[in-house]
């Protein structure tokens, strides 16, 4: 079976929209059929079409998450979800790509997972019913809240030194962050824009902000 083919025995999922690898060629790795093996027997037998790095091919999901947990970065991502914002899935996907410590959903527990493209299975996600509950958690974790919204007195993100350990807080498409969220934040930043529109897409803003943290703390560009 080539990399571009899918086994008819595999269940359909969003992960099957990406190219993967076919069944394990030749003899399976030693001990692969053992319950405590790092390998997933179904993937070895049928192929691994998940959208994962090559080093994670054929490995159990729990093994991948455990490895990611040893390397996660110091920033968390939080999103207000009062109107079932469709951008949340894309934000979770970006949080996975940039190896965020955790994603926090504030408000409605339900959110559209389609945009996450299954990355939420590898990303820790926590729910908070209210802003107050979220703020209490951030204080207990000693994590400053850095809000992203273009409101009066906000500071350009390009001039701000992001804390190594913090929560990056994002609002919904349209209304942005609630007044309670703004009030609870340690700093409010905006992403500099130069065109005619007042704001950019919420998921795009989240990706830009996470990358700004990466540039400061992983590549030491500041």
C-alpha atoms as a PDB file:
ATOM      1  CA  UNK A   1       0.000   0.000   0.000  1.00  0.00           C
ATOM      2  CA  UNK A   2       1.438   3.394  -0.940  1.00  0.00           C
ATOM      3  CA  UNK A   3       1.528   6.415   1.385  1.00  0.00           C
ATOM      4  CA  UNK A   4      -1.367   7.983  -0.489  1.00  0.00           C
ATOM      5  CA  UNK A   5      -3.691   5.007  -0.103  1.00  0.00           C
ATOM      6  CA  UNK A   6      -6.049   4.448   2.808  1.00  0.00           C
ATOM      7  CA  UNK A   7      -6.964   1.080   4.247  1.00  0.00           C
ATOM      8  CA  UNK A   8     -10.700   0.382   3.880  1.00  0.00           C
ATOM      9  CA  UNK A   9     -10.627  -1.070   7.407  1.00  0.00           C
ATOM     10  CA  UNK A  10      -9.694   2.233   9.039  1.00  0.00           C
ATOM     11  CA  UNK A  11     -12.484   4.362  10.565  1.00  0.00           C
ATOM     12  CA  UNK A  12     -13.094   7.657   8.817  1.00  0.00           C
ATOM     13  CA  UNK A  13     -11.770  10.726  10.605  1.00  0.00           C
ATOM     14  CA  UNK A  14     -10.363  14.165   9.834  1.00  0.00           C
ATOM     15  CA  UNK A  15      -6.869  12.698  10.150  1.00  0.00           C
ATOM     16  CA  UNK A  16      -7.460  10.606   7.049  1.00  0.00           C
ATOM     17  CA  UNK A  17      -7.442  13.767   4.920  1.00  0.00           C
ATOM     18  CA  UNK A  18      -3.626  13.819   5.121  1.00  0.00           C
ATOM     19  CA  UNK A  19      -1.136  11.439   3.561  1.00  0.00           C
ATOM     20  CA  UNK A  20       0.442   8.901   5.865  1.00  0.00           C
ATOM     21  CA  UNK A  21       2.143   5.538   5.649  1.00  0.00           C
ATOM     22  CA  UNK A  22       0.896   2.061   4.887  1.00  0.00           C
ATOM     23  CA  UNK A  23       1.143  -1.034   7.083  1.00  0.00           C
ATOM     24  CA  UNK A  24       4.480  -1.655   8.820  1.00  0.00           C
ATOM     25  CA  UNK A  25       6.783  -3.334   6.259  1.00  0.00           C
ATOM     26  CA  UNK A  26       8.217  -6.685   7.267  1.00  0.00           C
ATOM     27  CA  UNK A  27       8.309  -8.063  10.793  1.00  0.00           C
ATOM     28  CA  UNK A  28       6.779  -5.890  13.493  1.00  0.00           C
ATOM     29  CA  UNK A  29       9.042  -4.261  16.110  1.00  0.00           C
ATOM     30  CA  UNK A  30       9.941  -6.585  18.980  1.00  0.00           C
ATOM     31  CA  UNK A  31       7.163  -6.719  21.557  1.00  0.00           C
ATOM     32  CA  UNK A  32       4.779  -4.639  19.457  1.00  0.00           C
ATOM     33  CA  UNK A  33       1.831  -6.885  20.369  1.00  0.00           C
ATOM     34  CA  UNK A  34       2.456  -6.447  24.100  1.00  0.00           C
ATOM     35  CA  UNK A  35      -0.057  -4.301  26.078  1.00  0.00           C
ATOM     36  CA  UNK A  36       2.771  -2.063  27.329  1.00  0.00           C
ATOM     37  CA  UNK A  37       4.294  -1.551  23.860  1.00  0.00           C
ATOM     38  CA  UNK A  38       4.658   1.991  22.528  1.00  0.00           C
ATOM     39  CA  UNK A  39       3.229   0.799  19.203  1.00  0.00           C
ATOM     40  CA  UNK A  40      -0.434   0.619  18.193  1.00  0.00           C
ATOM     41  CA  UNK A  41      -1.122  -2.820  16.653  1.00  0.00           C
ATOM     42  CA  UNK A  42      -3.998  -1.502  14.519  1.00  0.00           C
ATOM     43  CA  UNK A  43      -1.749   1.149  12.978  1.00  0.00           C
ATOM     44  CA  UNK A  44       1.015  -1.354  12.367  1.00  0.00           C
ATOM     45  CA  UNK A  45      -1.434  -3.659  10.615  1.00  0.00           C
ATOM     46  CA  UNK A  46      -3.490  -1.137   8.653  1.00  0.00           C
ATOM     47  CA  UNK A  47      -1.228   1.894   8.220  1.00  0.00           C
ATOM     48  CA  UNK A  48      -0.944   5.253   9.944  1.00  0.00           C
ATOM     49  CA  UNK A  49      -2.623   8.127   8.083  1.00  0.00           C
ATOM     50  CA  UNK A  50      -2.675  10.525  11.033  1.00  0.00           C
ATOM     51  CA  UNK A  51      -1.293  14.033  10.561  1.00  0.00           C
ATOM     52  CA  UNK A  52       1.681  13.482  12.877  1.00  0.00           C
ATOM     53  CA  UNK A  53       5.445  13.869  12.656  1.00  0.00           C
ATOM     54  CA  UNK A  54       7.332  10.938  11.166  1.00  0.00           C
ATOM     55  CA  UNK A  55       8.865  10.085  14.554  1.00  0.00           C
ATOM     56  CA  UNK A  56       5.336   9.480  15.889  1.00  0.00           C
ATOM     57  CA  UNK A  57       4.248   7.093  13.130  1.00  0.00           C
ATOM     58  CA  UNK A  58       2.622   3.883  14.427  1.00  0.00           C
ATOM     59  CA  UNK A  59       2.905   5.028  18.065  1.00  0.00           C
ATOM     60  CA  UNK A  60      -0.031   4.967  20.473  1.00  0.00           C
ATOM     61  CA  UNK A  61      -1.691   8.322  21.049  1.00  0.00           C
ATOM     62  CA  UNK A  62      -0.916   8.162  24.777  1.00  0.00           C
ATOM     63  CA  UNK A  63       2.776   7.723  23.972  1.00  0.00           C
ATOM     64  CA  UNK A  64       2.755  10.783  21.709  1.00  0.00           C
ATOM     65  CA  UNK A  65       1.026  12.928  24.338  1.00  0.00           C
ATOM     66  CA  UNK A  66       3.470  11.751  27.004  1.00  0.00           C
ATOM     67  CA  UNK A  67       6.405  12.756  24.827  1.00  0.00           C
ATOM     68  CA  UNK A  68       4.875  16.169  24.111  1.00  0.00           C
ATOM     69  CA  UNK A  69       4.327  16.670  27.843  1.00  0.00           C
ATOM     70  CA  UNK A  70       8.085  16.507  28.408  1.00  0.00           C
ATOM     71  CA  UNK A  71       8.620  19.444  26.025  1.00  0.00           C
ATOM     72  CA  UNK A  72       5.613  21.746  26.388  1.00  0.00           C
ATOM     73  CA  UNK A  73       6.234  25.478  26.480  1.00  0.00           C
ATOM     74  CA  UNK A  74       5.423  27.832  29.336  1.00  0.00           C
ATOM     75  CA  UNK A  75       2.451  29.605  27.772  1.00  0.00           C
ATOM     76  CA  UNK A  76      -1.209  28.629  28.035  1.00  0.00           C
ATOM     77  CA  UNK A  77      -3.979  29.688  25.659  1.00  0.00           C
ATOM     78  CA  UNK A  78      -7.444  30.763  26.810  1.00  0.00           C
ATOM     79  CA  UNK A  79     -10.504  31.517  24.678  1.00  0.00           C
ATOM     80  CA  UNK A  80     -13.849  32.989  25.679  1.00  0.00           C
ATOM     81  CA  UNK A  81     -16.693  30.916  24.227  1.00  0.00           C
ATOM     82  CA  UNK A  82     -19.983  32.691  24.829  1.00  0.00           C
ATOM     83  CA  UNK A  83     -21.344  32.426  21.277  1.00  0.00           C
ATOM     84  CA  UNK A  84     -19.944  29.054  20.124  1.00  0.00           C
ATOM     85  CA  UNK A  85     -17.146  30.703  18.154  1.00  0.00           C
ATOM     86  CA  UNK A  86     -16.114  28.550  15.177  1.00  0.00           C
ATOM     87  CA  UNK A  87     -12.531  29.822  15.463  1.00  0.00           C
ATOM     88  CA  UNK A  88     -11.853  27.819  18.615  1.00  0.00           C
ATOM     89  CA  UNK A  89     -10.959  24.652  16.738  1.00  0.00           C
ATOM     90  CA  UNK A  90      -8.362  26.496  14.657  1.00  0.00           C
ATOM     91  CA  UNK A  91      -6.919  28.095  17.799  1.00  0.00           C
ATOM     92  CA  UNK A  92      -6.584  24.662  19.424  1.00  0.00           C
ATOM     93  CA  UNK A  93      -4.809  23.407  16.301  1.00  0.00           C
ATOM     94  CA  UNK A  94      -2.328  26.299  16.491  1.00  0.00           C
ATOM     95  CA  UNK A  95      -1.840  25.691  20.217  1.00  0.00           C
ATOM     96  CA  UNK A  96      -0.876  22.121  19.387  1.00  0.00           C
ATOM     97  CA  UNK A  97       1.506  23.258  16.640  1.00  0.00           C
ATOM     98  CA  UNK A  98       3.271  25.690  18.985  1.00  0.00           C
ATOM     99  CA  UNK A  99       3.219  23.171  21.874  1.00  0.00           C
ATOM    100  CA  UNK A 100       1.165  25.200  24.355  1.00  0.00           C
ATOM    101  CA  UNK A 101       1.027  23.894  27.906  1.00  0.00           C
ATOM    102  CA  UNK A 102      -2.773  23.832  27.924  1.00  0.00           C
ATOM    103  CA  UNK A 103      -5.847  25.325  26.262  1.00  0.00           C
ATOM    104  CA  UNK A 104      -8.612  26.831  28.400  1.00  0.00           C
ATOM    105  CA  UNK A 105     -12.188  27.244  27.179  1.00  0.00           C
ATOM    106  CA  UNK A 106     -14.105  29.886  29.153  1.00  0.00           C
ATOM    107  CA  UNK A 107     -17.905  29.827  29.006  1.00  0.00           C
ATOM    108  CA  UNK A 108     -19.780  27.245  26.970  1.00  0.00           C
ATOM    109  CA  UNK A 109     -18.291  23.785  27.351  1.00  0.00           C
ATOM    110  CA  UNK A 110     -19.252  22.745  23.832  1.00  0.00           C
ATOM    111  CA  UNK A 111     -17.155  23.969  20.934  1.00  0.00           C
ATOM    112  CA  UNK A 112     -16.805  23.000  17.285  1.00  0.00           C
ATOM    113  CA  UNK A 113     -13.912  20.538  17.095  1.00  0.00           C
ATOM    114  CA  UNK A 114     -13.850  20.256  13.317  1.00  0.00           C
ATOM    115  CA  UNK A 115     -11.361  23.100  12.951  1.00  0.00           C
ATOM    116  CA  UNK A 116      -8.993  21.393  15.391  1.00  0.00           C
ATOM    117  CA  UNK A 117      -8.455  18.583  12.859  1.00  0.00           C
ATOM    118  CA  UNK A 118      -8.147  16.038  15.701  1.00  0.00           C
ATOM    119  CA  UNK A 119      -5.242  17.927  17.335  1.00  0.00           C
ATOM    120  CA  UNK A 120      -7.347  18.301  20.499  1.00  0.00           C
ATOM    121  CA  UNK A 121      -6.607  14.613  21.144  1.00  0.00           C
ATOM    122  CA  UNK A 122      -2.964  15.549  21.708  1.00  0.00           C
ATOM    123  CA  UNK A 123      -3.599  18.858  23.486  1.00  0.00           C
ATOM    124  CA  UNK A 124      -4.663  19.296  27.115  1.00  0.00           C
ATOM    125  CA  UNK A 125      -7.949  21.240  27.219  1.00  0.00           C
ATOM    126  CA  UNK A 126      -9.529  22.581  30.404  1.00  0.00           C
ATOM    127  CA  UNK A 127     -12.966  24.188  30.829  1.00  0.00           C
ATOM    128  CA  UNK A 128     -13.943  27.117  33.077  1.00  0.00           C
ATOM    129  CA  UNK A 129     -17.592  28.073  33.433  1.00  0.00           C
ATOM    130  CA  UNK A 130     -16.916  31.777  34.053  1.00  0.00           C
ATOM    131  CA  UNK A 131     -14.196  34.398  33.736  1.00  0.00           C
ATOM    132  CA  UNK A 132     -14.047  34.527  37.528  1.00  0.00           C
ATOM    133  CA  UNK A 133     -13.348  30.798  37.705  1.00  0.00           C
ATOM    134  CA  UNK A 134     -10.634  31.135  35.069  1.00  0.00           C
ATOM    135  CA  UNK A 135      -9.024  34.090  36.869  1.00  0.00           C
ATOM    136  CA  UNK A 136      -8.994  32.159  40.153  1.00  0.00           C
ATOM    137  CA  UNK A 137      -7.233  29.284  38.400  1.00  0.00           C
ATOM    138  CA  UNK A 138      -4.623  31.581  36.800  1.00  0.00           C
ATOM    139  CA  UNK A 139      -3.867  33.162  40.186  1.00  0.00           C
ATOM    140  CA  UNK A 140      -3.491  29.758  41.824  1.00  0.00           C
ATOM    141  CA  UNK A 141      -1.078  28.781  39.042  1.00  0.00           C
ATOM    142  CA  UNK A 142       0.775  32.116  39.378  1.00  0.00           C
ATOM    143  CA  UNK A 143       0.282  32.841  35.685  1.00  0.00           C
ATOM    144  CA  UNK A 144      -0.268  36.432  34.476  1.00  0.00           C
ATOM    145  CA  UNK A 145      -3.084  36.906  31.969  1.00  0.00           C
ATOM    146  CA  UNK A 146      -2.056  38.597  28.721  1.00  0.00           C
ATOM    147  CA  UNK A 147      -5.131  39.632  26.756  1.00  0.00           C
ATOM    148  CA  UNK A 148      -5.101  40.246  23.004  1.00  0.00           C
ATOM    149  CA  UNK A 149      -7.622  42.852  21.836  1.00  0.00           C
ATOM    150  CA  UNK A 150      -7.500  46.246  20.140  1.00  0.00           C
ATOM    151  CA  UNK A 151      -9.121  48.336  22.850  1.00  0.00           C
ATOM    152  CA  UNK A 152      -8.143  51.787  24.181  1.00  0.00           C
ATOM    153  CA  UNK A 153      -4.778  51.906  25.989  1.00  0.00           C
ATOM    154  CA  UNK A 154      -3.655  48.512  24.636  1.00  0.00           C
ATOM    155  CA  UNK A 155       0.044  48.042  23.909  1.00  0.00           C
ATOM    156  CA  UNK A 156       1.546  46.876  20.578  1.00  0.00           C
ATOM    157  CA  UNK A 157       2.619  43.257  20.950  1.00  0.00           C
ATOM    158  CA  UNK A 158       5.725  44.030  18.916  1.00  0.00           C
ATOM    159  CA  UNK A 159       7.037  46.229  21.766  1.00  0.00           C
ATOM    160  CA  UNK A 160       6.010  44.002  24.672  1.00  0.00           C
ATOM    161  CA  UNK A 161       8.134  41.394  26.428  1.00  0.00           C
ATOM    162  CA  UNK A 162       5.864  38.400  26.900  1.00  0.00           C
ATOM    163  CA  UNK A 163       6.341  36.517  30.180  1.00  0.00           C
ATOM    164  CA  UNK A 164       7.919  33.091  29.844  1.00  0.00           C
ATOM    165  CA  UNK A 165       5.025  31.629  31.865  1.00  0.00           C
ATOM    166  CA  UNK A 166       1.651  33.210  31.136  1.00  0.00           C
ATOM    167  CA  UNK A 167      -1.847  32.751  29.722  1.00  0.00           C
ATOM    168  CA  UNK A 168      -2.591  34.290  26.325  1.00  0.00           C
ATOM    169  CA  UNK A 169      -6.270  35.243  26.363  1.00  0.00           C
ATOM    170  CA  UNK A 170      -8.396  35.665  23.240  1.00  0.00           C
ATOM    171  CA  UNK A 171     -11.972  36.780  22.669  1.00  0.00           C
ATOM    172  CA  UNK A 172     -14.605  35.857  20.138  1.00  0.00           C
ATOM    173  CA  UNK A 173     -14.798  36.878  16.543  1.00  0.00           C
ATOM    174  CA  UNK A 174     -16.676  40.194  16.446  1.00  0.00           C
ATOM    175  CA  UNK A 175     -17.259  41.269  20.049  1.00  0.00           C
ATOM    176  CA  UNK A 176     -13.736  40.442  21.201  1.00  0.00           C
ATOM    177  CA  UNK A 177     -13.006  39.999  24.892  1.00  0.00           C
ATOM    178  CA  UNK A 178     -15.623  40.662  27.553  1.00  0.00           C
ATOM    179  CA  UNK A 179     -15.225  43.599  29.921  1.00  0.00           C
ATOM    180  CA  UNK A 180     -14.640  41.176  32.793  1.00  0.00           C
ATOM    181  CA  UNK A 181     -11.798  39.486  30.915  1.00  0.00           C
ATOM    182  CA  UNK A 182     -10.153  42.803  30.067  1.00  0.00           C
ATOM    183  CA  UNK A 183     -10.437  43.955  33.681  1.00  0.00           C
ATOM    184  CA  UNK A 184      -8.831  40.762  34.971  1.00  0.00           C
ATOM    185  CA  UNK A 185      -5.865  40.881  32.589  1.00  0.00           C
ATOM    186  CA  UNK A 186      -2.378  41.930  33.626  1.00  0.00           C
ATOM    187  CA  UNK A 187      -1.770  43.476  30.199  1.00  0.00           C
ATOM    188  CA  UNK A 188      -3.768  44.051  27.023  1.00  0.00           C
ATOM    189  CA  UNK A 189      -1.920  43.853  23.707  1.00  0.00           C
ATOM    190  CA  UNK A 190      -2.829  44.539  20.116  1.00  0.00           C
ATOM    191  CA  UNK A 191      -1.318  43.227  16.898  1.00  0.00           C
ATOM    192  CA  UNK A 192      -0.204  46.131  14.718  1.00  0.00           C
ATOM    193  CA  UNK A 193      -2.165  46.383  11.467  1.00  0.00           C
ATOM    194  CA  UNK A 194      -1.701  48.619   8.474  1.00  0.00           C
ATOM    195  CA  UNK A 195      -4.718  48.096   6.223  1.00  0.00           C
ATOM    196  CA  UNK A 196      -8.311  49.301   6.230  1.00  0.00           C
ATOM    197  CA  UNK A 197      -9.870  46.651   8.475  1.00  0.00           C
ATOM    198  CA  UNK A 198     -10.189  47.220  12.214  1.00  0.00           C
ATOM    199  CA  UNK A 199      -9.348  43.676  13.252  1.00  0.00           C
ATOM    200  CA  UNK A 200      -8.055  40.371  11.974  1.00  0.00           C
ATOM    201  CA  UNK A 201      -9.548  36.912  12.320  1.00  0.00           C
ATOM    202  CA  UNK A 202      -9.447  35.586  15.883  1.00  0.00           C
ATOM    203  CA  UNK A 203      -7.644  32.376  14.984  1.00  0.00           C
ATOM    204  CA  UNK A 204      -5.080  34.322  12.946  1.00  0.00           C
ATOM    205  CA  UNK A 205      -4.503  36.671  15.885  1.00  0.00           C
ATOM    206  CA  UNK A 206      -3.971  33.691  18.183  1.00  0.00           C
ATOM    207  CA  UNK A 207      -1.439  32.099  15.832  1.00  0.00           C
ATOM    208  CA  UNK A 208       0.475  35.375  15.499  1.00  0.00           C
ATOM    209  CA  UNK A 209       0.574  35.818  19.268  1.00  0.00           C
ATOM    210  CA  UNK A 210       1.769  32.278  19.938  1.00  0.00           C
ATOM    211  CA  UNK A 211       4.485  32.702  17.331  1.00  0.00           C
ATOM    212  CA  UNK A 212       5.528  35.983  18.961  1.00  0.00           C
ATOM    213  CA  UNK A 213       6.034  34.059  22.215  1.00  0.00           C
ATOM    214  CA  UNK A 214       8.067  31.443  20.328  1.00  0.00           C
ATOM    215  CA  UNK A 215      10.262  34.122  18.742  1.00  0.00           C
ATOM    216  CA  UNK A 216      10.997  35.669  22.140  1.00  0.00           C
ATOM    217  CA  UNK A 217      11.553  32.565  24.230  1.00  0.00           C
ATOM    218  CA  UNK A 218      12.618  29.802  21.828  1.00  0.00           C
ATOM    219  CA  UNK A 219      14.661  31.726  19.253  1.00  0.00           C
ATOM    220  CA  UNK A 220      15.739  34.474  21.684  1.00  0.00           C
ATOM    221  CA  UNK A 221      15.212  37.235  19.173  1.00  0.00           C
ATOM    222  CA  UNK A 222      14.602  39.826  21.905  1.00  0.00           C
END
